[in-house]
Protein backbone atom coordinates (compact mmCIF):
# COMPACT_ATOMS: atom_id res chain seq x y z
CA UNK A 1 18.33 -0.21 -12.76
CA UNK A 2 18.67 3.23 -12.11
CA UNK A 3 21.41 5.21 -10.45
CA UNK A 4 19.49 5.13 -7.10
CA UNK A 5 18.95 1.59 -6.99
CA UNK A 6 15.17 2.35 -6.43
CA UNK A 7 12.67 0.08 -8.20
CA UNK A 8 9.16 0.79 -9.04
CA UNK A 9 6.96 -2.23 -8.74
CA UNK A 10 4.89 -2.11 -11.80
CA UNK A 11 6.29 -3.60 -15.04
CA UNK A 12 6.96 -0.86 -17.55
CA UNK A 13 10.13 0.55 -18.01
CA UNK A 14 13.35 -0.67 -19.50
CA UNK A 15 15.97 -0.08 -17.42
CA UNK A 16 14.65 -0.95 -14.00
CA UNK A 17 11.42 -2.71 -14.42
CA UNK A 18 12.38 -4.96 -17.54
CA UNK A 19 11.87 -4.23 -21.13
CA UNK A 20 9.32 -2.22 -22.45
CA UNK A 21 6.46 -4.08 -24.45
CA UNK A 22 5.09 -3.01 -27.76
CA UNK A 23 1.45 -2.53 -27.83
CA UNK A 24 -0.73 -5.68 -28.91
CA UNK A 25 -4.14 -6.95 -28.35
CA UNK A 26 -4.41 -10.32 -28.67
CA UNK A 27 -7.99 -11.72 -26.59
CA UNK A 28 -7.13 -14.71 -25.34
CA UNK A 29 -9.18 -16.91 -22.44
CA UNK A 30 -6.81 -17.99 -19.24
CA UNK A 31 -7.19 -19.98 -16.21
CA UNK A 32 -10.00 -18.86 -13.92
CA UNK A 33 -8.87 -18.64 -9.83
CA UNK A 34 -10.96 -20.95 -8.80
CA UNK A 35 -12.76 -21.37 -5.36
CA UNK A 36 -13.02 -19.52 -2.49
CA UNK A 37 -10.74 -21.36 0.12
CA UNK A 38 -11.54 -22.83 3.47
CA UNK A 39 -7.97 -23.25 5.05
CA UNK A 40 -4.70 -21.77 4.56
CA UNK A 41 -1.30 -22.05 5.54
CA UNK A 42 -1.07 -23.52 9.38
CA UNK A 43 1.99 -21.57 10.14
CA UNK A 44 0.10 -18.16 9.01
CA UNK A 45 -3.09 -19.35 10.88
CA UNK A 46 -1.03 -19.73 14.02
CA UNK A 47 0.77 -16.23 13.38
CA UNK A 48 -2.69 -15.04 12.81
CA UNK A 49 -4.05 -16.25 16.19
CA UNK A 50 -0.86 -14.92 18.33
CA UNK A 51 -1.52 -11.39 17.04
CA UNK A 52 -5.12 -10.77 16.69
CA UNK A 53 -5.08 -9.55 20.30
CA UNK A 54 -2.31 -7.21 19.89
CA UNK A 55 -4.05 -6.34 16.35
CA UNK A 56 -7.43 -5.64 17.99
CA UNK A 57 -5.24 -3.26 20.83
CA UNK A 58 -3.57 -1.25 17.72
CA UNK A 59 -6.84 -0.55 15.70
CA UNK A 60 -8.81 0.76 18.95
CA UNK A 61 -6.23 2.90 20.04
CA UNK A 62 -5.00 4.09 16.39
CA UNK A 63 -8.80 4.93 16.11
CA UNK A 64 -8.73 7.17 19.13
CA UNK A 65 -5.84 8.74 18.16
CA UNK A 66 -6.69 9.86 15.06
CA UNK A 67 -10.15 11.20 16.40
CA UNK A 68 -10.41 12.84 19.70
CA UNK A 69 -7.11 12.09 21.05
CA UNK A 70 -5.24 13.63 17.77
CA UNK A 71 -3.71 16.33 20.10
CA UNK A 72 -1.82 13.98 22.40
CA UNK A 73 -1.36 10.52 19.98
CA UNK A 74 1.78 10.08 18.41
CA UNK A 75 2.46 6.66 17.39
CA UNK A 76 2.04 3.15 18.09
CA UNK A 77 4.25 0.20 18.00
CA UNK A 78 3.39 -3.63 17.70
CA UNK A 79 5.60 -5.96 19.21
CA UNK A 80 4.44 -9.19 17.81
CA UNK A 81 7.08 -11.54 19.72
CA UNK A 82 6.83 -9.68 23.24
CA UNK A 83 3.20 -9.61 23.00
CA UNK A 84 2.85 -5.73 23.59
CA UNK A 85 1.46 -2.86 22.05
CA UNK A 86 3.22 0.52 23.00
CA UNK A 87 1.25 3.94 22.91
CA UNK A 88 3.48 6.90 22.20
CA UNK A 89 1.67 10.21 23.67
CA UNK A 90 2.73 13.36 24.70
CA UNK A 91 0.48 13.76 27.82
CA UNK A 92 0.08 10.69 30.31
CA UNK A 93 -3.24 11.73 31.56
CA UNK A 94 -5.01 12.22 27.93
CA UNK A 95 -2.88 9.26 27.28
CA UNK A 96 -4.95 6.95 30.17
CA UNK A 97 -8.27 8.90 28.96
CA UNK A 98 -7.60 7.41 25.16
CA UNK A 99 -6.93 3.75 26.49
CA UNK A 100 -10.07 4.12 28.64
CA UNK A 101 -12.12 5.69 25.18
CA UNK A 102 -10.76 2.74 23.04
CA UNK A 103 -12.07 0.29 25.72
CA UNK A 104 -15.25 1.92 26.31
CA UNK A 105 -15.92 1.86 22.22
CA UNK A 106 -14.00 -2.09 21.77
CA UNK A 107 -14.56 -3.52 25.40
CA UNK A 108 -13.11 -7.09 24.42
CA UNK A 109 -9.42 -5.57 23.79
CA UNK A 110 -7.07 -6.46 26.36
CA UNK A 111 -5.67 -3.42 27.69
CA UNK A 112 -3.18 -5.01 29.91
CA UNK A 113 -1.21 -5.35 26.53
CA UNK A 114 -0.70 -1.50 26.60
CA UNK A 115 2.50 -0.07 27.25
CA UNK A 116 2.53 4.09 27.42
CA UNK A 117 5.69 5.82 26.42
CA UNK A 118 6.01 9.78 26.36
CA UNK A 119 6.38 11.32 22.96
CA UNK A 120 7.79 15.25 22.55
CA UNK A 121 4.87 15.71 19.68
CA UNK A 122 1.73 14.37 18.78
CA UNK A 123 1.59 12.67 15.04
CA UNK A 124 -0.73 16.08 14.36
CA UNK A 125 1.95 18.60 14.86
CA UNK A 126 4.08 16.52 13.03
CA UNK A 127 2.34 15.80 10.27
CA UNK A 128 1.32 19.55 9.87
CA UNK A 129 4.83 20.51 9.39
CA UNK A 130 5.33 17.84 7.21
CA UNK A 131 2.15 19.32 5.44
CA UNK A 132 4.29 22.54 4.44
CA UNK A 133 7.02 21.06 2.96
CA UNK A 134 5.90 17.89 1.31
CA UNK A 135 2.60 18.38 0.19
CA UNK A 136 0.71 15.33 -1.15
CA UNK A 137 0.16 14.84 -5.58
CA UNK A 138 1.61 16.30 -8.40
CA UNK A 139 5.27 17.86 -8.17
CA UNK A 140 4.50 20.81 -10.61
CA UNK A 141 8.04 22.16 -10.87
CA UNK A 142 10.92 19.44 -10.21
CA UNK A 143 13.50 21.53 -10.80
CA UNK A 144 13.01 23.45 -7.59
CA UNK A 145 12.12 20.81 -5.37
CA UNK A 146 14.57 19.19 -3.07
CA UNK A 147 12.72 17.04 -0.77
CA UNK A 148 12.29 13.62 -1.75
CA UNK A 149 10.41 12.17 1.46
CA UNK A 150 9.26 13.07 4.92
CA UNK A 151 8.60 11.15 8.12
CA UNK A 152 7.57 11.56 12.02
CA UNK A 153 10.68 9.92 13.96
CA UNK A 154 9.65 6.64 15.44
CA UNK A 155 9.62 8.29 19.05
CA UNK A 156 7.86 11.09 18.10
CA UNK A 157 10.85 13.72 18.83
CA UNK A 158 10.71 15.51 15.65
CA UNK A 159 10.82 14.92 11.79
CA UNK A 160 13.24 12.96 9.25
CA UNK A 161 13.46 14.83 5.75
CA UNK A 162 14.67 13.24 2.77
CA UNK A 163 16.64 15.49 0.70
CA UNK A 164 18.21 15.61 -3.09
CA UNK A 165 21.60 14.53 -2.46
CA UNK A 166 23.15 17.36 -4.10
CA UNK A 167 21.43 20.06 -2.14
CA UNK A 168 21.78 18.36 1.31
CA UNK A 169 24.52 20.27 2.61
CA UNK A 170 22.87 23.93 1.38
CA UNK A 171 19.55 22.68 2.75
CA UNK A 172 21.46 22.07 6.43
CA UNK A 173 23.35 24.93 6.09
CA UNK A 174 19.77 27.24 5.25
CA UNK A 175 17.38 25.31 7.63
CA UNK A 176 19.37 24.37 10.76
CA UNK A 177 18.29 21.80 12.95
CA UNK A 178 14.80 22.94 13.57
CA UNK A 179 11.99 23.58 11.25
CA UNK A 180 9.36 26.04 13.37
CA UNK A 181 10.87 24.77 16.60
CA UNK A 182 10.48 21.12 16.12
CA UNK A 183 13.89 19.07 15.49
CA UNK A 184 14.56 18.08 12.18
CA UNK A 185 17.16 15.64 10.60
CA UNK A 186 18.25 16.01 7.01
CA UNK A 187 19.20 12.77 5.26
CA UNK A 188 19.66 11.57 1.80
CA UNK A 189 16.90 10.91 0.02
CA UNK A 190 15.68 8.83 -3.51
CA UNK A 191 13.15 9.03 -6.13
CA UNK A 192 10.79 5.83 -5.77
CA UNK A 193 11.18 5.60 -9.92
CA UNK A 194 8.11 3.88 -11.40
CA UNK A 195 6.17 2.38 -14.63
CA UNK A 196 4.57 -0.29 -14.56
CA UNK A 197 0.67 -8.49 -13.21
CA UNK A 198 -2.34 -13.76 -10.39
CA UNK A 199 -3.97 -14.98 -13.42
CA UNK A 200 -7.66 -14.28 -14.31
CA UNK A 201 -9.26 -13.66 -17.21
CA UNK A 202 -12.91 -14.07 -16.73
CA UNK A 203 -14.96 -12.06 -14.84
CA UNK A 204 -15.47 -11.16 -11.55
CA UNK A 205 -11.77 -9.91 -11.24
CA UNK A 206 -9.91 -10.21 -7.53
CA UNK A 207 -6.94 -8.85 -5.80
CA UNK A 208 -3.79 -10.26 -6.78
CA UNK A 209 -4.92 -10.84 -10.93
CA UNK A 210 -3.06 -9.76 -13.76
CA UNK A 211 -3.85 -6.55 -15.57
CA UNK A 212 -2.49 -5.10 -18.59
CA UNK A 213 -3.03 -1.91 -20.36
CA UNK A 214 -1.56 0.90 -22.30
CA UNK A 215 0.87 2.64 -20.04
CA UNK A 216 1.41 6.31 -19.48
CA UNK A 217 4.23 6.14 -21.98
CA UNK A 218 3.09 6.45 -25.32
CA UNK A 219 3.26 3.09 -27.24
CA UNK A 220 3.82 0.74 -24.45
CA UNK A 221 2.26 -1.61 -22.53
CA UNK A 222 1.81 -1.54 -18.56
CA UNK A 223 1.37 -4.76 -16.43
CA UNK A 224 0.55 -4.48 -12.83
CA UNK A 225 -1.57 -6.45 -10.16
CA UNK A 226 -5.26 -6.03 -8.87
CA UNK A 227 -5.51 -4.80 -5.27
CA UNK A 228 -8.86 -3.55 -3.70
CA UNK A 229 -12.31 -4.57 -5.27
CA UNK A 230 -15.14 -2.21 -3.80
CA UNK A 231 -18.12 -0.59 -4.50
CA UNK A 232 -20.22 2.87 -4.42
CA UNK A 233 -22.96 3.21 -2.84
CA UNK A 234 -25.57 1.90 -5.68
CA UNK A 235 -23.23 -1.19 -5.74
CA UNK A 236 -21.35 -0.70 -8.94
CA UNK A 237 -17.89 -2.76 -8.83
CA UNK A 238 -14.09 -1.10 -9.13
CA UNK A 239 -11.12 -2.48 -8.81
CA UNK A 240 -8.04 -0.35 -6.85
CA UNK A 241 -4.87 -0.65 -8.46
CA UNK A 242 -1.72 1.90 -8.39
CA UNK A 243 -2.02 5.20 -10.09
CA UNK A 244 1.18 4.86 -11.75
CA UNK A 245 0.08 2.07 -13.93
CA UNK A 246 -2.35 3.63 -16.47
CA UNK A 247 -3.87 7.09 -17.48
CA UNK A 248 -6.91 7.87 -17.03
CA UNK A 249 -9.72 6.37 -19.88
CA UNK A 250 -7.44 3.31 -20.62
CA UNK A 251 -9.09 0.22 -21.02
CA UNK A 252 -7.90 -2.59 -18.30
CA UNK A 253 -7.25 -6.29 -19.63
CA UNK A 254 -6.04 -9.53 -18.34
CA UNK A 255 -2.51 -10.97 -19.57
CA UNK A 256 -3.53 -12.69 -23.24
CA UNK A 257 -1.97 -16.18 -24.09
CA UNK A 258 -2.60 -19.48 -22.72
CA UNK A 259 0.63 -20.11 -20.38
CA UNK A 260 0.47 -17.66 -17.02
CA UNK A 261 3.69 -15.97 -16.33
CA UNK A 262 5.44 -15.68 -19.47
CA UNK A 263 5.05 -11.98 -19.50
CA UNK A 264 3.58 -11.70 -23.14
CA UNK A 265 2.04 -8.47 -22.44
CA UNK A 266 -0.75 -9.11 -25.03
CA UNK A 267 -4.31 -8.06 -24.02
CA UNK A 268 -6.79 -10.81 -22.72
CA UNK A 269 -10.40 -9.93 -21.76
CA UNK A 270 -11.82 -6.45 -21.20
CA UNK A 271 -11.96 -5.61 -17.39
CA UNK A 272 -12.96 -2.03 -17.31
CA UNK A 273 -11.71 1.16 -17.75
CA UNK A 274 -9.86 3.47 -15.45
CA UNK A 275 -12.12 6.53 -14.49
CA UNK A 276 -10.38 8.56 -11.61
CA UNK A 277 -6.81 8.79 -9.92
CA UNK A 278 -5.66 9.87 -6.78
CA UNK A 279 -1.88 10.35 -6.85
CA UNK A 280 -1.11 11.28 -3.56
CA UNK A 281 -2.46 7.94 -2.49
CA UNK A 282 -1.11 6.15 -5.80
CA UNK A 283 -4.62 4.64 -6.05
CA UNK A 284 -6.48 4.75 -9.33
CA UNK A 285 -10.12 3.19 -9.88
CA UNK A 286 -11.02 0.70 -12.32
CA UNK A 287 -14.68 0.68 -13.62
CA UNK A 288 -16.23 -2.76 -14.42
CA UNK A 289 -19.41 -1.19 -15.58
CA UNK A 290 -21.28 -3.84 -13.89
CA UNK A 291 -22.86 -4.48 -10.11
CA UNK A 292 -22.86 -6.40 -6.84
CA UNK A 293 -19.89 -8.20 -7.22
CA UNK A 294 -20.39 -9.24 -11.41
CA UNK A 295 -17.21 -7.53 -12.13
CA UNK A 296 -14.88 -7.24 -9.13
CA UNK A 297 -15.20 -9.01 -6.16
CA UNK A 298 -13.57 -8.37 -3.07
CA UNK A 299 -11.27 -11.59 -2.67
CA UNK A 300 -7.57 -11.85 -2.99
CA UNK A 301 -5.75 -14.82 -4.90
CA UNK A 302 -3.48 -16.68 -2.69
CA UNK A 303 -2.16 -20.45 -2.42
CA UNK A 304 -2.55 -23.48 -3.12
CA UNK A 305 -3.14 -22.17 -6.81
CA UNK A 306 -6.73 -21.31 -7.77
CA UNK A 307 -7.68 -20.85 -4.17
CA UNK A 308 -9.03 -17.27 -3.06
CA UNK A 309 -9.96 -15.45 0.46
CA UNK A 310 -12.97 -13.19 1.09
CA UNK A 311 -11.50 -9.75 1.85
CA UNK A 312 -14.09 -8.16 4.05
CA UNK A 313 -12.30 -5.93 6.54
CA UNK A 314 -9.94 -3.15 6.31
CA UNK A 315 -7.14 -1.62 8.82
CA UNK A 316 -4.51 0.61 9.08
CA UNK A 317 -0.87 -0.98 9.80
CA UNK A 318 1.33 0.12 12.72
CA UNK A 319 4.92 -0.42 13.57
CA UNK A 320 5.70 -3.87 13.94
CA UNK A 321 3.07 -5.44 12.49
CA UNK A 322 3.66 -8.24 9.77
CA UNK A 323 1.63 -8.12 6.50
CA UNK A 324 1.61 -9.80 3.19
CA UNK A 325 1.03 -8.97 -0.32
CA UNK A 326 -0.50 -10.78 -3.44
CA UNK A 327 1.34 -9.55 -6.19
CA UNK A 328 1.31 -11.26 -9.45
CA UNK A 329 4.92 -11.74 -10.58
CA UNK A 330 6.03 -12.36 -7.12
CA UNK A 331 3.67 -15.23 -7.60
CA UNK A 332 4.89 -16.32 -10.76
CA UNK A 333 8.64 -15.73 -10.15
CA UNK A 334 8.14 -18.72 -7.87
CA UNK A 335 8.15 -16.45 -4.44
CA UNK A 336 4.54 -17.34 -3.66
CA UNK A 337 2.55 -14.82 -1.58
CA UNK A 338 5.58 -12.93 0.39
CA UNK A 339 4.35 -12.95 3.84
CA UNK A 340 7.43 -12.10 6.16
CA UNK A 341 7.32 -8.26 5.49
CA UNK A 342 7.14 -6.16 8.75
CA UNK A 343 5.73 -2.59 8.98
CA UNK A 344 9.08 -0.94 9.55
CA UNK A 345 7.17 3.13 9.16
CA UNK A 346 3.58 3.43 9.46
CA UNK A 347 3.62 7.22 7.89
CA UNK A 348 6.19 7.63 5.47
CA UNK A 349 6.11 10.31 2.41
CA UNK A 350 7.83 9.49 -0.28
CA UNK A 351 8.18 10.63 -4.35
CA UNK A 352 7.60 8.35 -6.95
CA UNK A 353 8.20 8.82 -10.66
CA UNK A 354 5.62 7.86 -13.28
CA UNK A 355 6.58 6.33 -16.74
CA UNK A 356 5.57 9.63 -18.27
CA UNK A 357 8.86 11.32 -16.24
CA UNK A 358 6.28 12.99 -13.96
CA UNK A 359 7.04 13.20 -10.39
CA UNK A 360 4.33 12.54 -7.51
CA UNK A 361 4.48 12.91 -3.50
CA UNK A 362 2.77 9.70 -1.95
CA UNK A 363 1.98 9.23 1.48
CA UNK A 364 1.58 5.49 2.50
CA UNK A 365 3.82 2.84 4.67
CA UNK A 366 6.74 1.43 4.58
CA UNK A 367 7.91 -2.62 5.19
CA UNK A 368 11.05 -4.60 5.15
CA UNK A 369 12.02 -8.22 5.25
CA UNK A 370 13.89 -10.87 3.43
CA UNK A 371 11.86 -10.55 0.64
CA UNK A 372 8.95 -8.19 -0.16
CA UNK A 373 7.95 -7.66 -3.66
CA UNK A 374 9.26 -7.27 -7.47
CA UNK A 375 8.62 -4.95 -10.33
CA UNK A 376 5.01 -5.44 -11.60
CA UNK A 377 3.57 -6.43 -8.22
CA UNK A 378 2.60 -2.69 -8.25
CA UNK A 379 -1.32 -2.42 -7.05
CA UNK A 380 -1.25 -5.64 -5.52
CA UNK A 381 -3.28 -5.93 -2.41
CA UNK A 382 -1.50 -5.82 0.96
CA UNK A 383 -3.30 -7.78 3.85
CA UNK A 384 -3.11 -9.33 6.84
CA UNK A 385 -4.50 -13.20 7.67
CA UNK A 386 -7.77 -12.65 10.09
CA UNK A 387 -8.50 -16.88 9.80
CA UNK A 388 -8.93 -19.94 7.48
CA UNK A 389 -11.08 -17.94 5.21
CA UNK A 390 -10.64 -13.77 5.73
CA UNK A 391 -8.29 -11.45 4.97
CA UNK A 392 -7.96 -7.96 6.06
CA UNK A 393 -6.85 -5.27 3.53
CA UNK A 394 -4.45 -2.92 4.60
CA UNK A 395 -3.35 -1.29 1.37
CA UNK A 396 -2.23 -1.55 -2.02
CA UNK A 397 1.48 -2.08 -3.38
CA UNK A 398 3.19 1.07 -4.50
CA UNK A 399 7.03 1.37 -4.47
CA UNK A 400 10.36 -0.50 -3.05
CA UNK A 401 13.81 -0.40 -2.85
CA UNK A 402 14.92 -4.05 -3.97
CA UNK A 403 13.86 -7.08 -2.95
CA UNK A 404 14.05 -6.38 0.86
CA UNK A 405 11.64 -3.03 0.59
CA UNK A 406 8.29 -2.19 -0.11
CA UNK A 407 5.94 0.68 -0.04
CA UNK A 408 2.20 0.56 0.21
CA UNK A 409 -0.49 3.43 0.48
CA UNK A 410 -3.04 2.47 2.83
CA UNK A 411 -6.21 0.42 2.21
CA UNK A 412 -8.77 3.24 4.91
CA UNK A 413 -7.12 6.11 3.19
CA UNK A 414 -7.53 4.95 -0.50
CA UNK A 415 -11.57 3.84 0.04
CA UNK A 416 -11.84 6.90 1.99
CA UNK A 417 -10.77 9.48 -0.89
CA UNK A 418 -12.86 7.53 -3.46
CA UNK A 419 -15.96 7.21 -1.17
CA UNK A 420 -16.14 3.65 -1.84
CA UNK A 421 -16.16 -0.06 0.61
CA UNK A 422 -15.22 -3.37 0.20
CA UNK A 423 -17.56 -5.68 -1.78
CA UNK A 424 -16.81 -9.47 -0.49
CA UNK A 425 -20.28 -10.34 -2.41
CA UNK A 426 -19.44 -14.29 -3.42
């Protein structure tokens, strides 16, 4: 494990993530995912019913906060136990209009669940400052970079910047306590190290399926997990997984072998080819070359084994909301589908290292819980349970710091960046 203790959630490096696997190609059929399920765990259904009004309110407020009311919107916090949604805003009058606009756009929401709290700065203002010091995408000269992460403070009072430990004292002395007048706190940072599996080797592949292909480090195999299945305006099928998994142009396969969960690294049946990467969202497209759900279909592999659920809607995550993730390695390590993950930070910039050694700045979400995931879960779908048949996409697994922390990038941003939509055809 690296000195930082940070893990990357895609099986492919020798230290943090397990042994690197020599490239072998052994096409072998594997078990199908099974049938789309009509029921799910009773506790998860009860939780979904309990928080549905809260999530509806949060989605409606967030929609306005990212749109016409970006000048006053700062943050949201969902209290699933207390049954309320706190809207942080810089102006009470504008906040009231934001709530009214959300109600107008979504008449069914219960505005009695909303609490308004004053914030010093809007998210737009804080993000503008963060963008200056932590632009998304590839890091061109890592030797000169001292910022490892950044996020707005939970109460909208300023920003927190994660700094290279050896440079922390120097940065504090040079920058002081404000950036362009905005209060800033500097803390030690870590690089999210990375390099790169549910079990299906026949079409259509879905979220949670095992992915195997040549790694970004030459001569090695990467194992990741399928995430968001989507299509373009012509109905062409794509599967989205983590950008750090495979290089552009790489062929992606199922896991070869007759026994699931043995991590052989051998190639099974061909899925498609990586055709596009958005490193700022840690996301890449696998093109099936097929259409209308024949190659990839918007479902996710879940429990019980052999069952799967339609993923037919998408939303952002907000502080306090619980999510699940269907990383394949967690499943085959007897962790099932981790669902005790609570969103702790809904706007988190962090730096991740790919297997080829390159560094990339990413924008996503952070969650914490007793168990959130492990290496090999990279690219897996992050979702919430809507009901006994449907799931809501929230994003894909990107990185983590031990089993109790996970980072994911958001489904809405990823789909928008690629110009795609979900494709739950079957």
